[in-house]
Amino acid sequence: MLTFQKLKPEDRAAFLKCSHPEKIRGCEYSFVNMCIWGRQRVCFLEDFIAIFSQYDRNTVYPFPMGRGDVKPVLDAIIHDARSRGIPCRISSMTAEDCALLESLYPGQFRFHTNRDNYDYVYGIEDLAWLRGKRYQSKRNFVNRFHAAHPDCQTVPLDATTMPAAKALVQKWYDEKLAADPMADLHLEQVALERAFAHREALGLEGLVLMEGDTALAMTMGSFLSENTFDIHFEKALSGADGAYAAINCAFARYLQEKYPQLQYLNREDDMGIPGLRKAKLSYHPDHLVAKYWARLWEDDDAH
């Protein structure tokens, strides 16, 4: 049986050693997401990382990260699932991963996909400048925001702006919970608190829209690969119309100027929420990161 452990900020160097900076992966392979959400456990195996994830009573093994021959790692994962008496489900796979898994275990896995889990990936140039007719409404939102808040400044998230950003976030959660006391926001709130607490160690960067001493919007993200930046959080005051569009655009410009090699912004999935899907599609993604999962046939036969 494999020994899995929580990923900690100090594991970042070992994690990055096993990552493929050039490989297209979903946001669940973000070091930051693995640390702050607490749903995943990892097992370091020389040049690979085996991953175990549990959420809502579902257990899965995201396709292992690493370099070299993945077959021994997959064998170990299959054995681990059998030892635990749980179904062997390999998740978060690309089409390339599916082809590799099928070639290594011909006919032994049944493959599935779920559109709700697809990541939305945007061209950083598109979000930074909102050019063309298709972005006209977005430009209007940004322009209206700046017209209403002419003294608003765009500043990095750092020790100086952190208190204002935290106050904004707390107000956002207070308003959401006041409107819907049953809203399932606890896990996200804890994850964001961890992100604030370990911002530098996790390699997070952020931006804040400040009007005087008040934060109107904040955002935070990290590198997912050498050319893709993952947007983890984005919050704005409910009364600041256009603030979400403004912080989105401002952060894209900030990142493009600071990191010229960046091509894409991953704004993660829509969780199957219709309103969120509509909002994400309205920004015209460059592409979606399709994700697949597979289950051993023998598990289907046994249940």
C-alpha atoms as a PDB file:
ATOM      1  CA  MET A   1       0.000   0.000   0.000  1.00  0.00           C
ATOM      2  CA  LEU A   2       1.276   3.451  -0.897  1.00  0.00           C
ATOM      3  CA  THR A   3       1.875   6.016   1.845  1.00  0.00           C
ATOM      4  CA  PHE A   4       0.154   9.269   0.934  1.00  0.00           C
ATOM      5  CA  GLN A   5       0.699  12.575   2.716  1.00  0.00           C
ATOM      6  CA  LYS A   6      -0.593  16.119   2.595  1.00  0.00           C
ATOM      7  CA  LEU A   7       1.334  18.418   0.300  1.00  0.00           C
ATOM      8  CA  LYS A   8       2.983  21.289   2.175  1.00  0.00           C
ATOM      9  CA  PRO A   9       4.429  24.589   0.910  1.00  0.00           C
ATOM     10  CA  GLU A  10       7.937  23.313   1.660  1.00  0.00           C
ATOM     11  CA  ASP A  11       7.375  20.428  -0.801  1.00  0.00           C
ATOM     12  CA  ARG A  12       7.308  22.832  -3.732  1.00  0.00           C
ATOM     13  CA  ALA A  13      10.843  22.093  -5.006  1.00  0.00           C
ATOM     14  CA  ALA A  14      10.278  18.319  -4.953  1.00  0.00           C
ATOM     15  CA  PHE A  15       6.902  18.778  -6.641  1.00  0.00           C
ATOM     16  CA  LEU A  16       8.267  20.971  -9.432  1.00  0.00           C
ATOM     17  CA  LYS A  17      11.033  18.431 -10.072  1.00  0.00           C
ATOM     18  CA  CYS A  18       8.365  15.928 -11.131  1.00  0.00           C
ATOM     19  CA  SER A  19       6.221  18.355 -13.104  1.00  0.00           C
ATOM     20  CA  HIS A  20       6.195  18.815 -16.869  1.00  0.00           C
ATOM     21  CA  PRO A  21       6.353  22.595 -17.413  1.00  0.00           C
ATOM     22  CA  GLU A  22       5.525  22.127 -21.097  1.00  0.00           C
ATOM     23  CA  LYS A  23       2.673  19.617 -20.671  1.00  0.00           C
ATOM     24  CA  ILE A  24      -0.956  20.723 -20.820  1.00  0.00           C
ATOM     25  CA  ARG A  25      -2.680  19.778 -17.570  1.00  0.00           C
ATOM     26  CA  GLY A  26      -5.830  20.784 -15.747  1.00  0.00           C
ATOM     27  CA  CYS A  27      -5.926  23.053 -12.716  1.00  0.00           C
ATOM     28  CA  GLU A  28      -6.040  20.093 -10.319  1.00  0.00           C
ATOM     29  CA  TYR A  29      -2.316  19.600 -11.058  1.00  0.00           C
ATOM     30  CA  SER A  30      -1.538  23.048  -9.679  1.00  0.00           C
ATOM     31  CA  PHE A  31       0.802  22.864  -6.686  1.00  0.00           C
ATOM     32  CA  VAL A  32      -1.196  25.667  -5.093  1.00  0.00           C
ATOM     33  CA  ASN A  33      -4.551  23.928  -5.515  1.00  0.00           C
ATOM     34  CA  MET A  34      -3.189  20.688  -4.073  1.00  0.00           C
ATOM     35  CA  CYS A  35      -1.898  22.535  -1.002  1.00  0.00           C
ATOM     36  CA  ILE A  36      -4.757  24.865  -0.185  1.00  0.00           C
ATOM     37  CA  TRP A  37      -7.829  22.720  -0.880  1.00  0.00           C
ATOM     38  CA  GLY A  38      -6.661  19.710   1.124  1.00  0.00           C
ATOM     39  CA  ARG A  39      -8.510  17.138  -0.974  1.00  0.00           C
ATOM     40  CA  GLN A  40      -5.421  15.446  -2.356  1.00  0.00           C
ATOM     41  CA  ARG A  41      -2.589  13.413  -0.883  1.00  0.00           C
ATOM     42  CA  VAL A  42       0.675  12.645  -2.636  1.00  0.00           C
ATOM     43  CA  CYS A  43       3.305   9.925  -2.584  1.00  0.00           C
ATOM     44  CA  PHE A  44       6.745  10.785  -3.976  1.00  0.00           C
ATOM     45  CA  LEU A  45       8.148   7.860  -5.971  1.00  0.00           C
ATOM     46  CA  GLU A  46      11.590   8.817  -7.322  1.00  0.00           C
ATOM     47  CA  ASP A  47      10.781  10.778 -10.509  1.00  0.00           C
ATOM     48  CA  PHE A  48       7.000  10.462 -10.120  1.00  0.00           C
ATOM     49  CA  ILE A  49       4.233  11.641  -7.837  1.00  0.00           C
ATOM     50  CA  ALA A  50       1.274   9.340  -7.205  1.00  0.00           C
ATOM     51  CA  ILE A  51      -1.829  11.272  -6.159  1.00  0.00           C
ATOM     52  CA  PHE A  52      -4.861  10.203  -4.126  1.00  0.00           C
ATOM     53  CA  SER A  53      -7.941  12.416  -3.956  1.00  0.00           C
ATOM     54  CA  GLN A  54     -11.074  12.096  -1.856  1.00  0.00           C
ATOM     55  CA  TYR A  55     -14.106  14.362  -2.089  1.00  0.00           C
ATOM     56  CA  ASP A  56     -17.786  13.777  -1.317  1.00  0.00           C
ATOM     57  CA  ARG A  57     -17.035  10.106  -0.549  1.00  0.00           C
ATOM     58  CA  ASN A  58     -15.530   9.619  -4.000  1.00  0.00           C
ATOM     59  CA  THR A  59     -11.948   8.405  -4.251  1.00  0.00           C
ATOM     60  CA  VAL A  60      -9.807   8.772  -7.361  1.00  0.00           C
ATOM     61  CA  TYR A  61      -6.168   8.607  -8.376  1.00  0.00           C
ATOM     62  CA  PRO A  62      -5.312  11.515 -10.693  1.00  0.00           C
ATOM     63  CA  PHE A  63      -2.962  10.364 -13.442  1.00  0.00           C
ATOM     64  CA  PRO A  64       0.548  10.390 -11.906  1.00  0.00           C
ATOM     65  CA  MET A  65       2.969  13.232 -12.556  1.00  0.00           C
ATOM     66  CA  GLY A  66       6.550  12.608 -13.565  1.00  0.00           C
ATOM     67  CA  ARG A  67       9.081  11.643 -16.176  1.00  0.00           C
ATOM     68  CA  GLY A  68      10.052   8.257 -17.546  1.00  0.00           C
ATOM     69  CA  ASP A  69       8.260   4.909 -17.416  1.00  0.00           C
ATOM     70  CA  VAL A  70       4.888   5.403 -15.744  1.00  0.00           C
ATOM     71  CA  LYS A  71       3.893   1.700 -15.828  1.00  0.00           C
ATOM     72  CA  PRO A  72       5.401   0.783 -12.410  1.00  0.00           C
ATOM     73  CA  VAL A  73       3.620   3.757 -10.837  1.00  0.00           C
ATOM     74  CA  LEU A  74       0.274   2.768 -12.362  1.00  0.00           C
ATOM     75  CA  ASP A  75       0.835  -0.821 -11.201  1.00  0.00           C
ATOM     76  CA  ALA A  76       1.428   0.505  -7.683  1.00  0.00           C
ATOM     77  CA  ILE A  77      -1.765   2.566  -7.857  1.00  0.00           C
ATOM     78  CA  ILE A  78      -3.830  -0.429  -8.989  1.00  0.00           C
ATOM     79  CA  HIS A  79      -2.359  -2.502  -6.145  1.00  0.00           C
ATOM     80  CA  ASP A  80      -3.041   0.311  -3.663  1.00  0.00           C
ATOM     81  CA  ALA A  81      -6.710   0.482  -4.655  1.00  0.00           C
ATOM     82  CA  ARG A  82      -7.052  -3.284  -4.254  1.00  0.00           C
ATOM     83  CA  SER A  83      -5.353  -3.145  -0.844  1.00  0.00           C
ATOM     84  CA  ARG A  84      -7.763  -0.436   0.303  1.00  0.00           C
ATOM     85  CA  GLY A  85     -10.765  -2.266  -1.117  1.00  0.00           C
ATOM     86  CA  ILE A  86     -11.810   0.694  -3.262  1.00  0.00           C
ATOM     87  CA  PRO A  87     -12.457   1.008  -7.018  1.00  0.00           C
ATOM     88  CA  CYS A  88      -9.401   1.903  -9.080  1.00  0.00           C
ATOM     89  CA  ARG A  89     -10.373   5.126 -10.813  1.00  0.00           C
ATOM     90  CA  ILE A  90      -7.707   7.071 -12.709  1.00  0.00           C
ATOM     91  CA  SER A  91      -8.827  10.682 -13.179  1.00  0.00           C
ATOM     92  CA  SER A  92      -7.772  14.047 -14.635  1.00  0.00           C
ATOM     93  CA  MET A  93      -6.445  12.490 -17.827  1.00  0.00           C
ATOM     94  CA  THR A  94      -5.808  14.092 -21.178  1.00  0.00           C
ATOM     95  CA  ALA A  95      -6.623  12.228 -24.381  1.00  0.00           C
ATOM     96  CA  GLU A  96      -2.906  11.427 -24.576  1.00  0.00           C
ATOM     97  CA  ASP A  97      -3.020   9.898 -21.084  1.00  0.00           C
ATOM     98  CA  CYS A  98      -6.027   7.790 -22.086  1.00  0.00           C
ATOM     99  CA  ALA A  99      -4.191   6.442 -25.114  1.00  0.00           C
ATOM    100  CA  LEU A 100      -1.174   5.597 -22.975  1.00  0.00           C
ATOM    101  CA  LEU A 101      -3.286   3.878 -20.310  1.00  0.00           C
ATOM    102  CA  GLU A 102      -5.074   1.811 -22.950  1.00  0.00           C
ATOM    103  CA  SER A 103      -1.761   0.796 -24.532  1.00  0.00           C
ATOM    104  CA  LEU A 104      -0.378  -0.339 -21.166  1.00  0.00           C
ATOM    105  CA  TYR A 105      -3.560  -2.155 -20.053  1.00  0.00           C
ATOM    106  CA  PRO A 106      -5.406  -3.124 -23.254  1.00  0.00           C
ATOM    107  CA  GLY A 107      -9.141  -3.495 -22.695  1.00  0.00           C
ATOM    108  CA  GLN A 108      -8.822  -3.304 -18.906  1.00  0.00           C
ATOM    109  CA  PHE A 109     -10.172   0.209 -18.347  1.00  0.00           C
ATOM    110  CA  ARG A 110     -13.498   1.813 -19.183  1.00  0.00           C
ATOM    111  CA  PHE A 111     -13.155   5.506 -20.106  1.00  0.00           C
ATOM    112  CA  HIS A 112     -15.492   8.414 -19.274  1.00  0.00           C
ATOM    113  CA  THR A 113     -15.569  12.211 -19.396  1.00  0.00           C
ATOM    114  CA  ASN A 114     -17.527  15.028 -17.708  1.00  0.00           C
ATOM    115  CA  ARG A 115     -17.923  18.426 -19.395  1.00  0.00           C
ATOM    116  CA  ASP A 116     -18.494  20.084 -16.002  1.00  0.00           C
ATOM    117  CA  ASN A 117     -14.823  19.530 -15.149  1.00  0.00           C
ATOM    118  CA  TYR A 118     -13.301  21.046 -18.293  1.00  0.00           C
ATOM    119  CA  ASP A 119     -11.004  24.019 -17.687  1.00  0.00           C
ATOM    120  CA  TYR A 120     -11.481  27.283 -19.592  1.00  0.00           C
ATOM    121  CA  VAL A 121      -8.222  28.566 -21.075  1.00  0.00           C
ATOM    122  CA  TYR A 122      -7.995  32.058 -22.581  1.00  0.00           C
ATOM    123  CA  GLY A 123      -5.401  33.831 -24.657  1.00  0.00           C
ATOM    124  CA  ILE A 124      -3.712  36.337 -22.361  1.00  0.00           C
ATOM    125  CA  GLU A 125      -3.671  38.864 -25.211  1.00  0.00           C
ATOM    126  CA  ASP A 126      -7.456  38.594 -25.512  1.00  0.00           C
ATOM    127  CA  LEU A 127      -8.154  39.192 -21.830  1.00  0.00           C
ATOM    128  CA  ALA A 128      -5.543  41.924 -21.481  1.00  0.00           C
ATOM    129  CA  TRP A 129      -6.856  44.123 -24.298  1.00  0.00           C
ATOM    130  CA  LEU A 130     -10.429  42.955 -25.050  1.00  0.00           C
ATOM    131  CA  ARG A 131     -10.079  43.882 -28.700  1.00  0.00           C
ATOM    132  CA  GLY A 132     -12.749  43.465 -31.345  1.00  0.00           C
ATOM    133  CA  LYS A 133     -16.511  43.429 -31.524  1.00  0.00           C
ATOM    134  CA  ARG A 134     -16.918  40.267 -29.483  1.00  0.00           C
ATOM    135  CA  TYR A 135     -15.401  41.982 -26.429  1.00  0.00           C
ATOM    136  CA  GLN A 136     -17.324  45.254 -26.811  1.00  0.00           C
ATOM    137  CA  SER A 137     -19.581  44.597 -23.819  1.00  0.00           C
ATOM    138  CA  LYS A 138     -16.582  43.670 -21.654  1.00  0.00           C
ATOM    139  CA  ARG A 139     -14.784  46.882 -22.598  1.00  0.00           C
ATOM    140  CA  ASN A 140     -17.926  48.803 -21.683  1.00  0.00           C
ATOM    141  CA  PHE A 141     -17.956  47.200 -18.216  1.00  0.00           C
ATOM    142  CA  VAL A 142     -14.302  48.109 -17.662  1.00  0.00           C
ATOM    143  CA  ASN A 143     -14.786  51.676 -18.904  1.00  0.00           C
ATOM    144  CA  ARG A 144     -17.842  52.223 -16.710  1.00  0.00           C
ATOM    145  CA  PHE A 145     -15.959  50.958 -13.688  1.00  0.00           C
ATOM    146  CA  HIS A 146     -13.046  53.340 -14.210  1.00  0.00           C
ATOM    147  CA  ALA A 147     -15.410  56.242 -14.933  1.00  0.00           C
ATOM    148  CA  ALA A 148     -17.191  55.594 -11.634  1.00  0.00           C
ATOM    149  CA  HIS A 149     -13.913  55.127  -9.740  1.00  0.00           C
ATOM    150  CA  PRO A 150     -11.426  57.586 -11.293  1.00  0.00           C
ATOM    151  CA  ASP A 151      -9.106  57.458  -8.271  1.00  0.00           C
ATOM    152  CA  CYS A 152      -8.915  53.659  -8.203  1.00  0.00           C
ATOM    153  CA  GLN A 153      -5.366  52.311  -8.365  1.00  0.00           C
ATOM    154  CA  THR A 154      -4.167  48.906  -9.540  1.00  0.00           C
ATOM    155  CA  VAL A 155      -1.542  47.595  -7.127  1.00  0.00           C
ATOM    156  CA  PRO A 156       0.121  44.223  -6.443  1.00  0.00           C
ATOM    157  CA  LEU A 157      -1.125  42.032  -3.621  1.00  0.00           C
ATOM    158  CA  ASP A 158       1.594  42.290  -0.974  1.00  0.00           C
ATOM    159  CA  ALA A 159       2.040  42.824   2.758  1.00  0.00           C
ATOM    160  CA  THR A 160       0.798  46.408   2.419  1.00  0.00           C
ATOM    161  CA  THR A 161      -2.414  45.626   0.528  1.00  0.00           C
ATOM    162  CA  MET A 162      -3.115  42.275   2.211  1.00  0.00           C
ATOM    163  CA  PRO A 163      -5.257  43.697   5.064  1.00  0.00           C
ATOM    164  CA  ALA A 164      -7.548  45.495   2.610  1.00  0.00           C
ATOM    165  CA  ALA A 165      -7.796  42.381   0.423  1.00  0.00           C
ATOM    166  CA  LYS A 166      -8.685  40.244   3.446  1.00  0.00           C
ATOM    167  CA  ALA A 167     -11.330  42.758   4.513  1.00  0.00           C
ATOM    168  CA  LEU A 168     -12.857  42.635   1.024  1.00  0.00           C
ATOM    169  CA  VAL A 169     -12.908  38.845   1.043  1.00  0.00           C
ATOM    170  CA  GLN A 170     -14.518  38.702   4.490  1.00  0.00           C
ATOM    171  CA  LYS A 171     -17.217  41.159   3.423  1.00  0.00           C
ATOM    172  CA  TRP A 172     -17.846  39.090   0.277  1.00  0.00           C
ATOM    173  CA  TYR A 173     -18.393  35.911   2.313  1.00  0.00           C
ATOM    174  CA  ASP A 174     -20.518  37.728   4.904  1.00  0.00           C
ATOM    175  CA  GLU A 175     -22.822  39.029   2.166  1.00  0.00           C
ATOM    176  CA  LYS A 176     -23.099  35.641   0.455  1.00  0.00           C
ATOM    177  CA  LEU A 177     -23.896  33.823   3.703  1.00  0.00           C
ATOM    178  CA  ALA A 178     -26.389  36.497   4.752  1.00  0.00           C
ATOM    179  CA  ALA A 179     -28.244  35.986   1.473  1.00  0.00           C
ATOM    180  CA  ASP A 180     -28.000  32.185   1.670  1.00  0.00           C
ATOM    181  CA  PRO A 181     -27.027  30.747   5.087  1.00  0.00           C
ATOM    182  CA  MET A 182     -26.786  27.262   3.550  1.00  0.00           C
ATOM    183  CA  ALA A 183     -24.299  28.290   0.851  1.00  0.00           C
ATOM    184  CA  ASP A 184     -21.451  25.784   0.606  1.00  0.00           C
ATOM    185  CA  LEU A 185     -18.560  28.222   0.934  1.00  0.00           C
ATOM    186  CA  HIS A 186     -16.550  26.846   3.863  1.00  0.00           C
ATOM    187  CA  LEU A 187     -13.984  24.872   1.858  1.00  0.00           C
ATOM    188  CA  GLU A 188     -13.314  27.789  -0.466  1.00  0.00           C
ATOM    189  CA  GLN A 189     -12.992  30.180   2.461  1.00  0.00           C
ATOM    190  CA  VAL A 190     -10.453  27.918   4.184  1.00  0.00           C
ATOM    191  CA  ALA A 191      -8.533  27.492   0.927  1.00  0.00           C
ATOM    192  CA  LEU A 192      -8.353  31.256   0.419  1.00  0.00           C
ATOM    193  CA  GLU A 193      -7.179  31.771   4.006  1.00  0.00           C
ATOM    194  CA  ARG A 194      -4.387  29.258   3.393  1.00  0.00           C
ATOM    195  CA  ALA A 195      -3.463  31.038   0.181  1.00  0.00           C
ATOM    196  CA  PHE A 196      -3.168  34.350   2.029  1.00  0.00           C
ATOM    197  CA  ALA A 197      -1.140  32.776   4.839  1.00  0.00           C
ATOM    198  CA  HIS A 198       1.364  31.034   2.546  1.00  0.00           C
ATOM    199  CA  ARG A 199       1.288  33.385  -0.447  1.00  0.00           C
ATOM    200  CA  GLU A 200       5.038  33.720  -0.956  1.00  0.00           C
ATOM    201  CA  ALA A 201       5.942  30.087  -0.185  1.00  0.00           C
ATOM    202  CA  LEU A 202       3.305  28.885  -2.659  1.00  0.00           C
ATOM    203  CA  GLY A 203       4.511  31.198  -5.417  1.00  0.00           C
ATOM    204  CA  LEU A 204       1.225  33.102  -5.598  1.00  0.00           C
ATOM    205  CA  GLU A 205       0.860  36.500  -7.206  1.00  0.00           C
ATOM    206  CA  GLY A 206      -2.093  38.831  -7.036  1.00  0.00           C
ATOM    207  CA  LEU A 207      -3.519  42.231  -7.807  1.00  0.00           C
ATOM    208  CA  VAL A 208      -5.833  44.577  -5.914  1.00  0.00           C
ATOM    209  CA  LEU A 209      -7.998  47.467  -7.110  1.00  0.00           C
ATOM    210  CA  MET A 210      -7.663  50.067  -4.345  1.00  0.00           C
ATOM    211  CA  GLU A 211      -9.829  53.141  -3.840  1.00  0.00           C
ATOM    212  CA  GLY A 212      -8.211  54.963  -0.958  1.00  0.00           C
ATOM    213  CA  ASP A 213      -7.857  52.381   1.813  1.00  0.00           C
ATOM    214  CA  THR A 214     -10.627  50.161   0.438  1.00  0.00           C
ATOM    215  CA  ALA A 215     -10.101  47.173  -1.837  1.00  0.00           C
ATOM    216  CA  LEU A 216     -12.798  47.024  -4.518  1.00  0.00           C
ATOM    217  CA  ALA A 217     -11.521  43.803  -6.106  1.00  0.00           C
ATOM    218  CA  MET A 218      -8.717  41.283  -5.701  1.00  0.00           C
ATOM    219  CA  THR A 219      -7.358  38.326  -7.624  1.00  0.00           C
ATOM    220  CA  MET A 220      -4.673  35.720  -7.079  1.00  0.00           C
ATOM    221  CA  GLY A 221      -3.021  32.989  -9.157  1.00  0.00           C
ATOM    222  CA  SER A 222       0.108  30.995  -9.921  1.00  0.00           C
ATOM    223  CA  PHE A 223       1.989  29.374 -12.782  1.00  0.00           C
ATOM    224  CA  LEU A 224       0.467  26.105 -14.002  1.00  0.00           C
ATOM    225  CA  SER A 225       3.053  25.561 -16.744  1.00  0.00           C
ATOM    226  CA  GLU A 226       5.730  27.588 -18.468  1.00  0.00           C
ATOM    227  CA  ASN A 227       3.178  29.379 -20.672  1.00  0.00           C
ATOM    228  CA  THR A 228      -0.027  29.155 -18.600  1.00  0.00           C
ATOM    229  CA  PHE A 229      -1.052  31.000 -15.438  1.00  0.00           C
ATOM    230  CA  ASP A 230      -3.861  29.632 -13.264  1.00  0.00           C
ATOM    231  CA  ILE A 231      -6.364  32.089 -11.755  1.00  0.00           C
ATOM    232  CA  HIS A 232      -7.325  30.656  -8.354  1.00  0.00           C
ATOM    233  CA  PHE A 233      -9.417  33.415  -6.794  1.00  0.00           C
ATOM    234  CA  GLU A 234     -11.221  36.556  -7.879  1.00  0.00           C
ATOM    235  CA  LYS A 235     -13.479  38.601  -5.579  1.00  0.00           C
ATOM    236  CA  ALA A 236     -15.091  42.049  -5.859  1.00  0.00           C
ATOM    237  CA  LEU A 237     -17.425  44.212  -3.803  1.00  0.00           C
ATOM    238  CA  SER A 238     -21.044  43.739  -4.811  1.00  0.00           C
ATOM    239  CA  GLY A 239     -21.626  47.483  -5.177  1.00  0.00           C
ATOM    240  CA  ALA A 240     -18.660  48.075  -7.477  1.00  0.00           C
ATOM    241  CA  ASP A 241     -20.217  47.507 -10.907  1.00  0.00           C
ATOM    242  CA  GLY A 242     -17.695  46.290 -13.449  1.00  0.00           C
ATOM    243  CA  ALA A 243     -15.071  45.463 -10.827  1.00  0.00           C
ATOM    244  CA  TYR A 244     -14.811  41.818 -11.899  1.00  0.00           C
ATOM    245  CA  ALA A 245     -14.245  42.784 -15.527  1.00  0.00           C
ATOM    246  CA  ALA A 246     -11.740  45.438 -14.468  1.00  0.00           C
ATOM    247  CA  ILE A 247      -9.632  43.162 -12.235  1.00  0.00           C
ATOM    248  CA  ASN A 248      -9.728  40.412 -14.864  1.00  0.00           C
ATOM    249  CA  CYS A 249      -8.390  42.759 -17.543  1.00  0.00           C
ATOM    250  CA  ALA A 250      -5.877  44.464 -15.241  1.00  0.00           C
ATOM    251  CA  PHE A 251      -4.363  41.188 -14.031  1.00  0.00           C
ATOM    252  CA  ALA A 252      -3.986  39.904 -17.586  1.00  0.00           C
ATOM    253  CA  ARG A 253      -2.111  43.085 -18.553  1.00  0.00           C
ATOM    254  CA  TYR A 254       0.035  42.930 -15.430  1.00  0.00           C
ATOM    255  CA  LEU A 255       1.028  39.311 -16.074  1.00  0.00           C
ATOM    256  CA  GLN A 256       1.629  39.860 -19.782  1.00  0.00           C
ATOM    257  CA  GLU A 257       4.002  42.729 -19.070  1.00  0.00           C
ATOM    258  CA  LYS A 258       5.830  40.928 -16.260  1.00  0.00           C
ATOM    259  CA  TYR A 259       6.047  37.522 -17.982  1.00  0.00           C
ATOM    260  CA  PRO A 260       6.255  37.933 -21.789  1.00  0.00           C
ATOM    261  CA  GLN A 261       6.406  34.148 -22.234  1.00  0.00           C
ATOM    262  CA  LEU A 262       2.867  33.729 -20.907  1.00  0.00           C
ATOM    263  CA  GLN A 263       0.315  32.822 -23.570  1.00  0.00           C
ATOM    264  CA  TYR A 264      -2.686  31.582 -21.618  1.00  0.00           C
ATOM    265  CA  LEU A 265      -4.768  32.138 -18.512  1.00  0.00           C
ATOM    266  CA  ASN A 266      -6.541  29.104 -17.057  1.00  0.00           C
ATOM    267  CA  ARG A 267      -9.710  30.220 -15.270  1.00  0.00           C
ATOM    268  CA  GLU A 268     -10.571  26.687 -14.177  1.00  0.00           C
ATOM    269  CA  ASP A 269     -13.896  24.858 -14.565  1.00  0.00           C
ATOM    270  CA  ASP A 270     -17.533  25.876 -14.201  1.00  0.00           C
ATOM    271  CA  MET A 271     -18.579  22.949 -11.944  1.00  0.00           C
ATOM    272  CA  GLY A 272     -21.676  22.535 -14.089  1.00  0.00           C
ATOM    273  CA  ILE A 273     -23.201  25.779 -12.761  1.00  0.00           C
ATOM    274  CA  PRO A 274     -25.212  27.322 -15.661  1.00  0.00           C
ATOM    275  CA  GLY A 275     -24.544  30.952 -14.721  1.00  0.00           C
ATOM    276  CA  LEU A 276     -20.830  30.345 -14.287  1.00  0.00           C
ATOM    277  CA  ARG A 277     -20.653  28.500 -17.601  1.00  0.00           C
ATOM    278  CA  LYS A 278     -22.376  31.392 -19.370  1.00  0.00           C
ATOM    279  CA  ALA A 279     -19.971  33.890 -17.801  1.00  0.00           C
ATOM    280  CA  LYS A 280     -16.883  31.895 -18.737  1.00  0.00           C
ATOM    281  CA  LEU A 281     -18.056  31.344 -22.310  1.00  0.00           C
ATOM    282  CA  SER A 282     -18.778  35.064 -22.659  1.00  0.00           C
ATOM    283  CA  TYR A 283     -15.031  35.706 -22.504  1.00  0.00           C
ATOM    284  CA  HIS A 284     -14.480  33.452 -25.541  1.00  0.00           C
ATOM    285  CA  PRO A 285     -11.969  30.843 -24.357  1.00  0.00           C
ATOM    286  CA  ASP A 286      -9.133  29.914 -26.683  1.00  0.00           C
ATOM    287  CA  HIS A 287      -9.744  26.265 -25.803  1.00  0.00           C
ATOM    288  CA  LEU A 288     -11.061  23.966 -23.099  1.00  0.00           C
ATOM    289  CA  VAL A 289      -8.931  21.393 -21.302  1.00  0.00           C
ATOM    290  CA  ALA A 290     -10.920  18.186 -21.683  1.00  0.00           C
ATOM    291  CA  LYS A 291     -10.509  15.720 -18.826  1.00  0.00           C
ATOM    292  CA  TYR A 292     -11.195  12.008 -18.715  1.00  0.00           C
ATOM    293  CA  TRP A 293     -11.332   9.339 -16.078  1.00  0.00           C
ATOM    294  CA  ALA A 294     -11.138   5.568 -16.284  1.00  0.00           C
ATOM    295  CA  ARG A 295     -12.201   2.658 -14.110  1.00  0.00           C
ATOM    296  CA  LEU A 296     -10.920  -0.902 -14.117  1.00  0.00           C
ATOM    297  CA  TRP A 297     -13.332  -3.321 -15.749  1.00  0.00           C
ATOM    298  CA  GLU A 298     -12.826  -5.786 -12.885  1.00  0.00           C
ATOM    299  CA  ASP A 299     -14.191  -3.169 -10.467  1.00  0.00           C
ATOM    300  CA  ASP A 300     -17.336  -2.817 -12.578  1.00  0.00           C
ATOM    301  CA  ASP A 301     -17.724  -6.603 -12.628  1.00  0.00           C
ATOM    302  CA  ALA A 302     -17.314  -6.791  -8.854  1.00  0.00           C
ATOM    303  CA  HIS A 303     -19.957  -4.171  -8.032  1.00  0.00           C
END
